[in-house]
Amino acid sequence: MMKKFNVVVVMLIALVLGMVGPAAAKKQVPKVDNFIFFVDHSSSMAFSYKGQRYVQFGGVSKIMMAKSLARELNNMIPELGYKAGLYTFAPYKEYAPMAPYAKATLAPAIEKIKTDYEIYGRLTPMGWGLEDLDKLPISTLSGKTGVFIFSDGDSNRGVDPVAVAQSLKGKYGDKLCFFIVDLSDNKHGQEVLKAIAALGGCNCIELGEELLRNEAARAKFLECALYTWIEDEIVIFRSIYFDFDKYNIKKEFVPVLEEGVGIVQGKPKTQVILEGHTDSVGSEQYNMGLGQRRADSVKAFFVKKGIDASRIEAISFGESDPVATNKTAQGRALNRRCVIKFKN
């Protein structure tokens, strides 16, 4: 009977050993190193959008729409190691200096933007605002910077904003991108914003009203501006198996581990993930420790063969993730394992 049982277990293990499967997962990676919220605070922004009271777009004025949009975008931006800040123009003012980005840090600065202010005599020097932004903070930043411009595009004082934006693109090239939140409600403003957006391949533009009403549009706009998705591929290489309550590597699995070592040595950027598992005999606490000892024993094998320990993550699942029933001896034998994964 015991001989028959051993044959069954060996056949099952051989079947599992032959199974190699990729488990691809997507992850976000940043397109820029820094981003700036640059909000038009001029007199034209205090007027109602298209002359109407579009309460569903964040209030009666374009500045209220801009503030609502900044709030909504901040809520959706992933924290991927950016530096970020918040500034206004007309007048130029720093609300949040450039610092490591966190939603909780930028949110209170957005709330400080005033939406109730004197309209008359408050002109729109958009071009000068862009020049001020170049002096501080853009010129002090390293890497690639994206500027979210929340504006209606009206500019009735100072230098031409399109010419200034063109000059900045000439100065910084693809290290500077403009992300236009279009709150224009006349032809001139629309043309100005479209002209800035057309200056480079990394620029993005979307209507503010569309961003306010549509979460999917906000997600698409942020993906255009700040991040992309890549395949974070994790490949299940093999599993090796252990005797009951043991964590020493059995001789029959040494060739499997040596094959794994050879693959990792040939791919210097590949990381190794070792997952230790147990059957359900014993307490959860004990099995968690046993699973860790099994993962650690495989890690020690890889390190002894020359793989840097920093490339290896050894973790335990204990009895929590069985691949077979724990009600039979054959099933318990399959659960006493270490799964070897490669992450590219």
C-alpha atoms as a PDB file:
ATOM      1  CA  MET A   1       0.000   0.000   0.000  1.00  0.00           C
ATOM      2  CA  MET A   2       2.800   2.403   0.917  1.00  0.00           C
ATOM      3  CA  LYS A   3       4.580   1.650  -2.381  1.00  0.00           C
ATOM      4  CA  LYS A   4       1.400   2.436  -4.312  1.00  0.00           C
ATOM      5  CA  PHE A   5       0.995   5.687  -2.392  1.00  0.00           C
ATOM      6  CA  ASN A   6       4.576   6.737  -3.170  1.00  0.00           C
ATOM      7  CA  VAL A   7       4.059   6.039  -6.872  1.00  0.00           C
ATOM      8  CA  VAL A   8       0.922   8.183  -6.904  1.00  0.00           C
ATOM      9  CA  VAL A   9       2.698  11.066  -5.141  1.00  0.00           C
ATOM     10  CA  VAL A  10       5.670  10.873  -7.511  1.00  0.00           C
ATOM     11  CA  MET A  11       3.328  10.960 -10.520  1.00  0.00           C
ATOM     12  CA  LEU A  12       1.450  13.950  -9.135  1.00  0.00           C
ATOM     13  CA  ILE A  13       4.645  15.855  -8.383  1.00  0.00           C
ATOM     14  CA  ALA A  14       6.006  15.097 -11.857  1.00  0.00           C
ATOM     15  CA  LEU A  15       2.803  16.506 -13.336  1.00  0.00           C
ATOM     16  CA  VAL A  16       3.043  19.688 -11.287  1.00  0.00           C
ATOM     17  CA  LEU A  17       6.758  20.097 -12.046  1.00  0.00           C
ATOM     18  CA  GLY A  18       5.953  20.196 -15.724  1.00  0.00           C
ATOM     19  CA  MET A  19       3.609  23.120 -15.298  1.00  0.00           C
ATOM     20  CA  VAL A  20       5.238  26.491 -15.961  1.00  0.00           C
ATOM     21  CA  GLY A  21       2.904  29.439 -16.280  1.00  0.00           C
ATOM     22  CA  PRO A  22       3.252  33.190 -16.611  1.00  0.00           C
ATOM     23  CA  ALA A  23       1.127  35.406 -14.388  1.00  0.00           C
ATOM     24  CA  ALA A  24       1.231  38.831 -15.981  1.00  0.00           C
ATOM     25  CA  ALA A  25       0.091  41.853 -13.994  1.00  0.00           C
ATOM     26  CA  LYS A  26       0.033  45.474 -15.081  1.00  0.00           C
ATOM     27  CA  LYS A  27       1.567  48.275 -13.085  1.00  0.00           C
ATOM     28  CA  GLN A  28       1.700  52.050 -13.452  1.00  0.00           C
ATOM     29  CA  VAL A  29       5.000  53.739 -14.203  1.00  0.00           C
ATOM     30  CA  PRO A  30       5.450  57.536 -14.268  1.00  0.00           C
ATOM     31  CA  LYS A  31       5.941  59.464 -17.521  1.00  0.00           C
ATOM     32  CA  VAL A  32       7.235  62.555 -15.716  1.00  0.00           C
ATOM     33  CA  ASP A  33       9.307  63.223 -12.622  1.00  0.00           C
ATOM     34  CA  ASN A  34       7.484  66.383 -11.552  1.00  0.00           C
ATOM     35  CA  PHE A  35       4.118  68.007 -12.130  1.00  0.00           C
ATOM     36  CA  ILE A  36       2.699  71.440 -11.400  1.00  0.00           C
ATOM     37  CA  PHE A  37      -0.905  72.560 -11.041  1.00  0.00           C
ATOM     38  CA  PHE A  38      -0.897  76.045 -12.613  1.00  0.00           C
ATOM     39  CA  VAL A  39      -4.255  77.765 -12.132  1.00  0.00           C
ATOM     40  CA  ASP A  40      -5.431  80.872 -13.954  1.00  0.00           C
ATOM     41  CA  HIS A  41      -6.638  83.286 -11.227  1.00  0.00           C
ATOM     42  CA  SER A  42      -7.427  86.221 -13.498  1.00  0.00           C
ATOM     43  CA  SER A  43     -10.596  88.290 -13.796  1.00  0.00           C
ATOM     44  CA  SER A  44     -11.991  86.330 -16.745  1.00  0.00           C
ATOM     45  CA  MET A  45     -11.928  83.147 -14.652  1.00  0.00           C
ATOM     46  CA  ALA A  46     -14.292  84.759 -12.140  1.00  0.00           C
ATOM     47  CA  PHE A  47     -17.017  85.026 -14.771  1.00  0.00           C
ATOM     48  CA  SER A  48     -19.549  82.252 -15.210  1.00  0.00           C
ATOM     49  CA  TYR A  49     -18.699  79.535 -17.707  1.00  0.00           C
ATOM     50  CA  LYS A  50     -20.255  80.335 -21.109  1.00  0.00           C
ATOM     51  CA  GLY A  51     -22.365  82.922 -19.375  1.00  0.00           C
ATOM     52  CA  GLN A  52     -24.408  80.218 -17.681  1.00  0.00           C
ATOM     53  CA  ARG A  53     -24.738  78.984 -14.128  1.00  0.00           C
ATOM     54  CA  TYR A  54     -23.265  75.521 -14.640  1.00  0.00           C
ATOM     55  CA  VAL A  55     -23.564  74.353 -11.051  1.00  0.00           C
ATOM     56  CA  GLN A  56     -22.922  70.735 -12.098  1.00  0.00           C
ATOM     57  CA  PHE A  57     -19.470  71.816 -13.296  1.00  0.00           C
ATOM     58  CA  GLY A  58     -18.388  72.935  -9.839  1.00  0.00           C
ATOM     59  CA  GLY A  59     -20.125  76.264  -9.409  1.00  0.00           C
ATOM     60  CA  VAL A  60     -21.056  79.394 -11.279  1.00  0.00           C
ATOM     61  CA  SER A  61     -17.582  80.541 -12.265  1.00  0.00           C
ATOM     62  CA  LYS A  62     -14.643  79.150 -14.224  1.00  0.00           C
ATOM     63  CA  ILE A  63     -12.348  79.520 -11.221  1.00  0.00           C
ATOM     64  CA  MET A  64     -14.744  77.345  -9.210  1.00  0.00           C
ATOM     65  CA  MET A  65     -14.655  74.791 -12.029  1.00  0.00           C
ATOM     66  CA  ALA A  66     -10.838  74.917 -12.007  1.00  0.00           C
ATOM     67  CA  LYS A  67     -10.744  74.384  -8.254  1.00  0.00           C
ATOM     68  CA  SER A  68     -13.164  71.458  -8.477  1.00  0.00           C
ATOM     69  CA  LEU A  69     -11.109  69.938 -11.280  1.00  0.00           C
ATOM     70  CA  ALA A  70      -7.859  70.283  -9.350  1.00  0.00           C
ATOM     71  CA  ARG A  71      -9.554  68.548  -6.434  1.00  0.00           C
ATOM     72  CA  GLU A  72     -10.913  65.686  -8.576  1.00  0.00           C
ATOM     73  CA  LEU A  73      -7.643  65.123 -10.428  1.00  0.00           C
ATOM     74  CA  ASN A  74      -5.670  65.126  -7.191  1.00  0.00           C
ATOM     75  CA  ASN A  75      -7.967  62.428  -5.844  1.00  0.00           C
ATOM     76  CA  MET A  76      -7.141  60.201  -8.836  1.00  0.00           C
ATOM     77  CA  ILE A  77      -3.405  60.786  -9.308  1.00  0.00           C
ATOM     78  CA  PRO A  78      -1.364  57.729  -8.252  1.00  0.00           C
ATOM     79  CA  GLU A  79       1.512  58.354  -5.868  1.00  0.00           C
ATOM     80  CA  LEU A  80       4.412  57.180  -8.043  1.00  0.00           C
ATOM     81  CA  GLY A  81       7.279  59.191  -6.590  1.00  0.00           C
ATOM     82  CA  TYR A  82       6.540  62.499  -8.304  1.00  0.00           C
ATOM     83  CA  LYS A  83       7.423  65.933  -7.011  1.00  0.00           C
ATOM     84  CA  ALA A  84       4.457  68.287  -7.215  1.00  0.00           C
ATOM     85  CA  GLY A  85       3.447  71.870  -6.485  1.00  0.00           C
ATOM     86  CA  LEU A  86       0.535  74.288  -6.896  1.00  0.00           C
ATOM     87  CA  TYR A  87       0.829  77.814  -8.293  1.00  0.00           C
ATOM     88  CA  THR A  88      -1.514  80.443  -9.703  1.00  0.00           C
ATOM     89  CA  PHE A  89      -0.965  83.216 -12.207  1.00  0.00           C
ATOM     90  CA  ALA A  90      -2.694  86.606 -12.393  1.00  0.00           C
ATOM     91  CA  PRO A  91      -1.383  87.045  -9.791  1.00  0.00           C
ATOM     92  CA  TYR A  92       1.533  84.628  -9.636  1.00  0.00           C
ATOM     93  CA  LYS A  93       1.489  82.896  -6.251  1.00  0.00           C
ATOM     94  CA  GLU A  94       2.881  79.745  -4.694  1.00  0.00           C
ATOM     95  CA  TYR A  95       0.238  77.725  -2.847  1.00  0.00           C
ATOM     96  CA  ALA A  96       2.274  74.536  -2.436  1.00  0.00           C
ATOM     97  CA  PRO A  97       6.042  74.458  -3.095  1.00  0.00           C
ATOM     98  CA  MET A  98       7.549  71.581  -5.047  1.00  0.00           C
ATOM     99  CA  ALA A  99       7.777  68.569  -2.744  1.00  0.00           C
ATOM    100  CA  PRO A 100       7.329  64.784  -2.882  1.00  0.00           C
ATOM    101  CA  TYR A 101       3.759  64.268  -4.060  1.00  0.00           C
ATOM    102  CA  ALA A 102       1.065  63.075  -1.690  1.00  0.00           C
ATOM    103  CA  LYS A 103      -2.669  63.631  -2.146  1.00  0.00           C
ATOM    104  CA  ALA A 104      -2.978  64.671   1.487  1.00  0.00           C
ATOM    105  CA  THR A 105      -0.331  67.376   1.021  1.00  0.00           C
ATOM    106  CA  LEU A 106      -1.740  68.925  -2.154  1.00  0.00           C
ATOM    107  CA  ALA A 107      -5.410  68.798  -1.081  1.00  0.00           C
ATOM    108  CA  PRO A 108      -5.290  71.598   1.556  1.00  0.00           C
ATOM    109  CA  ALA A 109      -3.358  73.857  -0.836  1.00  0.00           C
ATOM    110  CA  ILE A 110      -6.122  73.438  -3.446  1.00  0.00           C
ATOM    111  CA  GLU A 111      -8.730  74.416  -0.863  1.00  0.00           C
ATOM    112  CA  LYS A 112      -6.890  77.706  -0.212  1.00  0.00           C
ATOM    113  CA  ILE A 113      -7.510  78.967  -3.755  1.00  0.00           C
ATOM    114  CA  LYS A 114     -10.017  81.815  -3.477  1.00  0.00           C
ATOM    115  CA  THR A 115     -13.004  81.740  -5.815  1.00  0.00           C
ATOM    116  CA  ASP A 116     -14.571  84.974  -4.619  1.00  0.00           C
ATOM    117  CA  TYR A 117     -12.466  87.953  -5.619  1.00  0.00           C
ATOM    118  CA  GLU A 118     -12.682  91.386  -7.271  1.00  0.00           C
ATOM    119  CA  ILE A 119     -13.113  91.072 -11.034  1.00  0.00           C
ATOM    120  CA  TYR A 120     -12.505  94.525 -12.419  1.00  0.00           C
ATOM    121  CA  GLY A 121      -8.953  95.770 -12.846  1.00  0.00           C
ATOM    122  CA  ARG A 122      -7.590  92.216 -12.497  1.00  0.00           C
ATOM    123  CA  LEU A 123      -6.121  91.589 -15.960  1.00  0.00           C
ATOM    124  CA  THR A 124      -4.787  88.339 -17.448  1.00  0.00           C
ATOM    125  CA  PRO A 125      -0.989  88.228 -17.912  1.00  0.00           C
ATOM    126  CA  MET A 126      -0.860  84.543 -18.877  1.00  0.00           C
ATOM    127  CA  GLY A 127       2.437  84.919 -20.752  1.00  0.00           C
ATOM    128  CA  TRP A 128       4.097  86.605 -17.803  1.00  0.00           C
ATOM    129  CA  GLY A 129       2.777  83.856 -15.549  1.00  0.00           C
ATOM    130  CA  LEU A 130       4.515  81.228 -17.685  1.00  0.00           C
ATOM    131  CA  GLU A 131       7.734  83.245 -17.539  1.00  0.00           C
ATOM    132  CA  ASP A 132       7.484  83.396 -13.731  1.00  0.00           C
ATOM    133  CA  LEU A 133       6.923  79.645 -13.611  1.00  0.00           C
ATOM    134  CA  ASP A 134      10.137  79.154 -15.574  1.00  0.00           C
ATOM    135  CA  LYS A 135      12.154  81.174 -13.052  1.00  0.00           C
ATOM    136  CA  LEU A 136      10.781  79.192 -10.142  1.00  0.00           C
ATOM    137  CA  PRO A 137      10.192  76.302  -9.952  1.00  0.00           C
ATOM    138  CA  ILE A 138      10.770  74.795 -13.444  1.00  0.00           C
ATOM    139  CA  SER A 139      14.381  75.888 -13.790  1.00  0.00           C
ATOM    140  CA  THR A 140      15.233  74.313 -10.406  1.00  0.00           C
ATOM    141  CA  LEU A 141      13.788  70.879 -11.206  1.00  0.00           C
ATOM    142  CA  SER A 142      15.580  67.846 -12.561  1.00  0.00           C
ATOM    143  CA  GLY A 143      14.070  65.301 -14.886  1.00  0.00           C
ATOM    144  CA  LYS A 144      10.838  65.721 -16.844  1.00  0.00           C
ATOM    145  CA  THR A 145       8.149  68.192 -15.758  1.00  0.00           C
ATOM    146  CA  GLY A 146       4.481  68.384 -16.669  1.00  0.00           C
ATOM    147  CA  VAL A 147       2.471  71.589 -16.184  1.00  0.00           C
ATOM    148  CA  PHE A 148      -1.301  71.304 -15.785  1.00  0.00           C
ATOM    149  CA  ILE A 149      -2.699  74.632 -17.021  1.00  0.00           C
ATOM    150  CA  PHE A 150      -6.226  75.298 -15.753  1.00  0.00           C
ATOM    151  CA  SER A 151      -7.322  78.279 -17.852  1.00  0.00           C
ATOM    152  CA  ASP A 152      -9.897  79.814 -20.176  1.00  0.00           C
ATOM    153  CA  GLY A 153      -7.061  80.948 -22.456  1.00  0.00           C
ATOM    154  CA  ASP A 154      -7.880  84.651 -22.331  1.00  0.00           C
ATOM    155  CA  SER A 155      -4.788  86.858 -22.243  1.00  0.00           C
ATOM    156  CA  ASN A 156      -5.278  90.587 -22.526  1.00  0.00           C
ATOM    157  CA  ARG A 157      -2.051  91.911 -21.047  1.00  0.00           C
ATOM    158  CA  GLY A 158       1.674  91.335 -21.473  1.00  0.00           C
ATOM    159  CA  VAL A 159       3.533  88.953 -23.752  1.00  0.00           C
ATOM    160  CA  ASP A 160       1.915  86.365 -25.993  1.00  0.00           C
ATOM    161  CA  PRO A 161       1.411  83.166 -23.916  1.00  0.00           C
ATOM    162  CA  VAL A 162       1.776  80.920 -26.966  1.00  0.00           C
ATOM    163  CA  ALA A 163       5.123  82.527 -27.815  1.00  0.00           C
ATOM    164  CA  VAL A 164       6.317  82.083 -24.222  1.00  0.00           C
ATOM    165  CA  ALA A 165       5.193  78.447 -24.172  1.00  0.00           C
ATOM    166  CA  GLN A 166       6.984  77.902 -27.488  1.00  0.00           C
ATOM    167  CA  SER A 167      10.136  79.464 -26.066  1.00  0.00           C
ATOM    168  CA  LEU A 168       9.960  77.195 -23.017  1.00  0.00           C
ATOM    169  CA  LYS A 169       9.520  74.133 -25.228  1.00  0.00           C
ATOM    170  CA  GLY A 170      12.555  75.256 -27.194  1.00  0.00           C
ATOM    171  CA  LYS A 171      14.518  75.610 -23.974  1.00  0.00           C
ATOM    172  CA  TYR A 172      13.510  72.337 -22.300  1.00  0.00           C
ATOM    173  CA  GLY A 173      12.395  70.181 -25.242  1.00  0.00           C
ATOM    174  CA  ASP A 174      10.647  66.946 -24.256  1.00  0.00           C
ATOM    175  CA  LYS A 175      11.578  67.561 -20.624  1.00  0.00           C
ATOM    176  CA  LEU A 176       8.634  69.979 -20.429  1.00  0.00           C
ATOM    177  CA  CYS A 177       5.032  69.037 -21.194  1.00  0.00           C
ATOM    178  CA  PHE A 178       1.805  71.057 -21.019  1.00  0.00           C
ATOM    179  CA  PHE A 179      -1.424  69.409 -19.889  1.00  0.00           C
ATOM    180  CA  ILE A 180      -4.254  71.753 -20.787  1.00  0.00           C
ATOM    181  CA  VAL A 181      -7.506  71.790 -18.843  1.00  0.00           C
ATOM    182  CA  ASP A 182      -9.568  73.788 -21.329  1.00  0.00           C
ATOM    183  CA  LEU A 183     -12.069  76.134 -19.650  1.00  0.00           C
ATOM    184  CA  SER A 184     -12.346  78.426 -22.677  1.00  0.00           C
ATOM    185  CA  ASP A 185     -15.721  79.876 -23.541  1.00  0.00           C
ATOM    186  CA  ASN A 186     -14.751  81.997 -26.541  1.00  0.00           C
ATOM    187  CA  LYS A 187     -12.913  81.384 -29.803  1.00  0.00           C
ATOM    188  CA  HIS A 188      -9.787  83.334 -28.860  1.00  0.00           C
ATOM    189  CA  GLY A 189      -9.247  81.455 -25.597  1.00  0.00           C
ATOM    190  CA  GLN A 190      -9.830  78.136 -27.319  1.00  0.00           C
ATOM    191  CA  GLU A 191      -7.257  78.958 -30.017  1.00  0.00           C
ATOM    192  CA  VAL A 192      -4.640  79.971 -27.438  1.00  0.00           C
ATOM    193  CA  LEU A 193      -4.996  76.734 -25.463  1.00  0.00           C
ATOM    194  CA  LYS A 194      -5.021  74.553 -28.568  1.00  0.00           C
ATOM    195  CA  ALA A 195      -1.901  76.313 -29.853  1.00  0.00           C
ATOM    196  CA  ILE A 196      -0.032  75.586 -26.608  1.00  0.00           C
ATOM    197  CA  ALA A 197      -1.176  71.954 -26.655  1.00  0.00           C
ATOM    198  CA  ALA A 198       0.050  71.599 -30.245  1.00  0.00           C
ATOM    199  CA  LEU A 199       3.650  72.547 -29.346  1.00  0.00           C
ATOM    200  CA  GLY A 200       4.914  69.081 -28.473  1.00  0.00           C
ATOM    201  CA  GLY A 201       4.222  65.368 -28.576  1.00  0.00           C
ATOM    202  CA  CYS A 202       3.958  64.926 -24.792  1.00  0.00           C
ATOM    203  CA  ASN A 203       1.226  67.553 -24.400  1.00  0.00           C
ATOM    204  CA  CYS A 204      -2.403  66.703 -23.576  1.00  0.00           C
ATOM    205  CA  ILE A 205      -5.630  68.702 -23.745  1.00  0.00           C
ATOM    206  CA  GLU A 206      -9.214  68.076 -22.647  1.00  0.00           C
ATOM    207  CA  LEU A 207     -12.320  70.185 -22.085  1.00  0.00           C
ATOM    208  CA  GLY A 208     -12.786  71.042 -18.433  1.00  0.00           C
ATOM    209  CA  GLU A 209     -16.518  70.364 -18.556  1.00  0.00           C
ATOM    210  CA  GLU A 210     -15.880  66.868 -19.937  1.00  0.00           C
ATOM    211  CA  LEU A 211     -13.357  66.161 -17.165  1.00  0.00           C
ATOM    212  CA  LEU A 212     -15.825  67.289 -14.525  1.00  0.00           C
ATOM    213  CA  ARG A 213     -18.720  65.194 -15.730  1.00  0.00           C
ATOM    214  CA  ASN A 214     -16.839  62.028 -16.684  1.00  0.00           C
ATOM    215  CA  GLU A 215     -14.530  60.040 -14.405  1.00  0.00           C
ATOM    216  CA  ALA A 216     -13.349  57.936 -17.353  1.00  0.00           C
ATOM    217  CA  ALA A 217     -12.273  61.130 -19.142  1.00  0.00           C
ATOM    218  CA  ARG A 218     -10.268  62.165 -16.077  1.00  0.00           C
ATOM    219  CA  ALA A 219      -8.565  58.776 -15.957  1.00  0.00           C
ATOM    220  CA  LYS A 220      -7.721  58.973 -19.679  1.00  0.00           C
ATOM    221  CA  PHE A 221      -6.368  62.524 -19.292  1.00  0.00           C
ATOM    222  CA  LEU A 222      -4.149  61.549 -16.359  1.00  0.00           C
ATOM    223  CA  GLU A 223      -2.868  58.528 -18.240  1.00  0.00           C
ATOM    224  CA  CYS A 224      -2.000  60.779 -21.183  1.00  0.00           C
ATOM    225  CA  ALA A 225      -0.188  63.133 -18.828  1.00  0.00           C
ATOM    226  CA  LEU A 226       1.396  61.309 -15.929  1.00  0.00           C
ATOM    227  CA  TYR A 227       1.745  57.569 -16.291  1.00  0.00           C
ATOM    228  CA  THR A 228       1.577  54.530 -18.495  1.00  0.00           C
ATOM    229  CA  TRP A 229       0.916  50.856 -17.882  1.00  0.00           C
ATOM    230  CA  ILE A 230       3.482  48.110 -18.379  1.00  0.00           C
ATOM    231  CA  GLU A 231       3.370  44.368 -17.959  1.00  0.00           C
ATOM    232  CA  ASP A 232       4.903  43.390 -14.655  1.00  0.00           C
ATOM    233  CA  GLU A 233       5.446  39.746 -15.529  1.00  0.00           C
ATOM    234  CA  ILE A 234       5.805  37.120 -12.866  1.00  0.00           C
ATOM    235  CA  VAL A 235       6.605  33.655 -14.177  1.00  0.00           C
ATOM    236  CA  ILE A 236       6.017  30.550 -12.087  1.00  0.00           C
ATOM    237  CA  PHE A 237       9.167  28.520 -12.729  1.00  0.00           C
ATOM    238  CA  ARG A 238       8.800  25.362 -10.642  1.00  0.00           C
ATOM    239  CA  SER A 239       7.776  24.047  -7.245  1.00  0.00           C
ATOM    240  CA  ILE A 240       9.842  21.745  -5.081  1.00  0.00           C
ATOM    241  CA  TYR A 241       8.398  19.535  -2.339  1.00  0.00           C
ATOM    242  CA  PHE A 242       9.284  18.612   1.234  1.00  0.00           C
ATOM    243  CA  ASP A 243       8.762  15.725   3.607  1.00  0.00           C
ATOM    244  CA  PHE A 244       6.387  16.178   6.510  1.00  0.00           C
ATOM    245  CA  ASP A 245       7.598  18.841   8.986  1.00  0.00           C
ATOM    246  CA  LYS A 246      10.907  19.191   7.093  1.00  0.00           C
ATOM    247  CA  TYR A 247      12.556  22.066   5.267  1.00  0.00           C
ATOM    248  CA  ASN A 248      15.757  20.459   3.985  1.00  0.00           C
ATOM    249  CA  ILE A 249      16.077  20.256   0.192  1.00  0.00           C
ATOM    250  CA  LYS A 250      15.699  16.721  -1.151  1.00  0.00           C
ATOM    251  CA  LYS A 251      18.305  15.430  -3.594  1.00  0.00           C
ATOM    252  CA  GLU A 252      15.805  14.882  -6.397  1.00  0.00           C
ATOM    253  CA  PHE A 253      15.021  18.614  -6.479  1.00  0.00           C
ATOM    254  CA  VAL A 254      18.612  19.851  -6.681  1.00  0.00           C
ATOM    255  CA  PRO A 255      18.590  19.745 -10.535  1.00  0.00           C
ATOM    256  CA  VAL A 256      15.431  21.880 -10.537  1.00  0.00           C
ATOM    257  CA  LEU A 257      17.094  24.513  -8.344  1.00  0.00           C
ATOM    258  CA  GLU A 258      20.290  24.455 -10.381  1.00  0.00           C
ATOM    259  CA  GLU A 259      18.253  25.089 -13.523  1.00  0.00           C
ATOM    260  CA  GLY A 260      16.637  28.060 -11.779  1.00  0.00           C
ATOM    261  CA  VAL A 261      20.017  29.415 -10.706  1.00  0.00           C
ATOM    262  CA  GLY A 262      21.221  29.219 -14.311  1.00  0.00           C
ATOM    263  CA  ILE A 263      18.230  31.214 -15.555  1.00  0.00           C
ATOM    264  CA  VAL A 264      18.700  33.936 -12.924  1.00  0.00           C
ATOM    265  CA  GLN A 265      22.439  34.174 -13.599  1.00  0.00           C
ATOM    266  CA  GLY A 266      21.673  34.795 -17.266  1.00  0.00           C
ATOM    267  CA  LYS A 267      19.175  37.560 -16.513  1.00  0.00           C
ATOM    268  CA  PRO A 268      20.755  40.119 -14.155  1.00  0.00           C
ATOM    269  CA  LYS A 269      17.539  42.169 -13.802  1.00  0.00           C
ATOM    270  CA  THR A 270      15.360  39.213 -12.847  1.00  0.00           C
ATOM    271  CA  GLN A 271      14.150  39.028  -9.248  1.00  0.00           C
ATOM    272  CA  VAL A 272      13.355  35.756  -7.471  1.00  0.00           C
ATOM    273  CA  ILE A 273      10.258  35.232  -5.326  1.00  0.00           C
ATOM    274  CA  LEU A 274      10.197  32.141  -3.102  1.00  0.00           C
ATOM    275  CA  GLU A 275       6.869  31.196  -1.522  1.00  0.00           C
ATOM    276  CA  GLY A 276       6.922  28.612   1.284  1.00  0.00           C
ATOM    277  CA  HIS A 277       3.799  26.495   1.919  1.00  0.00           C
ATOM    278  CA  THR A 278       2.713  23.715   4.273  1.00  0.00           C
ATOM    279  CA  ASP A 279      -0.114  21.265   4.749  1.00  0.00           C
ATOM    280  CA  SER A 280      -2.699  21.875   7.464  1.00  0.00           C
ATOM    281  CA  VAL A 281      -1.218  19.568  10.133  1.00  0.00           C
ATOM    282  CA  GLY A 282      -0.204  21.680  13.110  1.00  0.00           C
ATOM    283  CA  SER A 283      -1.117  25.208  14.218  1.00  0.00           C
ATOM    284  CA  GLU A 284      -1.340  28.139  11.829  1.00  0.00           C
ATOM    285  CA  GLN A 285       1.472  29.899  13.691  1.00  0.00           C
ATOM    286  CA  TYR A 286       3.763  26.880  13.492  1.00  0.00           C
ATOM    287  CA  ASN A 287       3.022  26.349   9.801  1.00  0.00           C
ATOM    288  CA  MET A 288       3.718  29.985   9.009  1.00  0.00           C
ATOM    289  CA  GLY A 289       7.173  29.540  10.509  1.00  0.00           C
ATOM    290  CA  LEU A 290       7.690  26.219   8.718  1.00  0.00           C
ATOM    291  CA  GLY A 291       6.717  27.781   5.385  1.00  0.00           C
ATOM    292  CA  GLN A 292       9.264  30.536   5.998  1.00  0.00           C
ATOM    293  CA  ARG A 293      11.991  27.993   6.794  1.00  0.00           C
ATOM    294  CA  ARG A 294      11.243  26.201   3.525  1.00  0.00           C
ATOM    295  CA  ALA A 295      11.466  29.432   1.527  1.00  0.00           C
ATOM    296  CA  ASP A 296      14.649  30.413   3.376  1.00  0.00           C
ATOM    297  CA  SER A 297      16.281  27.045   2.627  1.00  0.00           C
ATOM    298  CA  VAL A 298      15.742  27.572  -1.101  1.00  0.00           C
ATOM    299  CA  LYS A 299      17.040  31.136  -0.795  1.00  0.00           C
ATOM    300  CA  ALA A 300      20.173  29.832   0.899  1.00  0.00           C
ATOM    301  CA  PHE A 301      20.706  27.440  -2.017  1.00  0.00           C
ATOM    302  CA  PHE A 302      20.466  30.299  -4.555  1.00  0.00           C
ATOM    303  CA  VAL A 303      22.796  32.533  -2.507  1.00  0.00           C
ATOM    304  CA  LYS A 304      25.337  29.720  -2.120  1.00  0.00           C
ATOM    305  CA  LYS A 305      25.340  29.371  -5.918  1.00  0.00           C
ATOM    306  CA  GLY A 306      26.211  33.065  -6.333  1.00  0.00           C
ATOM    307  CA  ILE A 307      22.858  34.854  -6.588  1.00  0.00           C
ATOM    308  CA  ASP A 308      22.851  38.143  -4.654  1.00  0.00           C
ATOM    309  CA  ALA A 309      20.503  37.916  -1.660  1.00  0.00           C
ATOM    310  CA  SER A 310      19.058  41.346  -2.501  1.00  0.00           C
ATOM    311  CA  ARG A 311      17.508  39.817  -5.615  1.00  0.00           C
ATOM    312  CA  ILE A 312      15.585  37.204  -3.628  1.00  0.00           C
ATOM    313  CA  GLU A 313      12.375  37.608  -1.636  1.00  0.00           C
ATOM    314  CA  ALA A 314      11.478  34.663   0.610  1.00  0.00           C
ATOM    315  CA  ILE A 315       7.971  34.684   2.081  1.00  0.00           C
ATOM    316  CA  SER A 316       5.635  32.232   3.805  1.00  0.00           C
ATOM    317  CA  PHE A 317       1.989  31.476   3.161  1.00  0.00           C
ATOM    318  CA  GLY A 318       1.913  28.742   5.774  1.00  0.00           C
ATOM    319  CA  GLU A 319      -1.163  26.559   5.277  1.00  0.00           C
ATOM    320  CA  SER A 320      -3.288  29.373   3.798  1.00  0.00           C
ATOM    321  CA  ASP A 321      -2.869  28.641   0.071  1.00  0.00           C
ATOM    322  CA  PRO A 322      -3.187  24.898  -0.629  1.00  0.00           C
ATOM    323  CA  VAL A 323      -3.096  23.539  -4.183  1.00  0.00           C
ATOM    324  CA  ALA A 324      -4.740  20.270  -3.189  1.00  0.00           C
ATOM    325  CA  THR A 325      -7.016  18.925  -0.478  1.00  0.00           C
ATOM    326  CA  ASN A 326      -5.536  18.455   2.965  1.00  0.00           C
ATOM    327  CA  LYS A 327      -7.941  15.559   3.606  1.00  0.00           C
ATOM    328  CA  THR A 328      -5.718  13.016   1.837  1.00  0.00           C
ATOM    329  CA  ALA A 329      -2.070  12.078   2.185  1.00  0.00           C
ATOM    330  CA  GLN A 330      -1.492  12.733  -1.518  1.00  0.00           C
ATOM    331  CA  GLY A 331      -2.975  16.218  -1.245  1.00  0.00           C
ATOM    332  CA  ARG A 332      -0.950  17.103   1.841  1.00  0.00           C
ATOM    333  CA  ALA A 333       2.222  15.982   0.037  1.00  0.00           C
ATOM    334  CA  LEU A 334       1.517  18.443  -2.780  1.00  0.00           C
ATOM    335  CA  ASN A 335       0.895  21.285  -0.329  1.00  0.00           C
ATOM    336  CA  ARG A 336       4.297  20.888   1.361  1.00  0.00           C
ATOM    337  CA  ARG A 337       6.127  22.967  -1.215  1.00  0.00           C
ATOM    338  CA  CYS A 338       8.126  26.041  -2.162  1.00  0.00           C
ATOM    339  CA  VAL A 339       6.982  27.841  -5.301  1.00  0.00           C
ATOM    340  CA  ILE A 340       9.789  29.518  -7.273  1.00  0.00           C
ATOM    341  CA  LYS A 341       8.804  32.583  -9.278  1.00  0.00           C
ATOM    342  CA  PHE A 342      10.785  34.955 -11.481  1.00  0.00           C
ATOM    343  CA  LYS A 343       9.854  38.609 -11.767  1.00  0.00           C
ATOM    344  CA  ASN A 344      11.122  40.508 -14.790  1.00  0.00           C
END
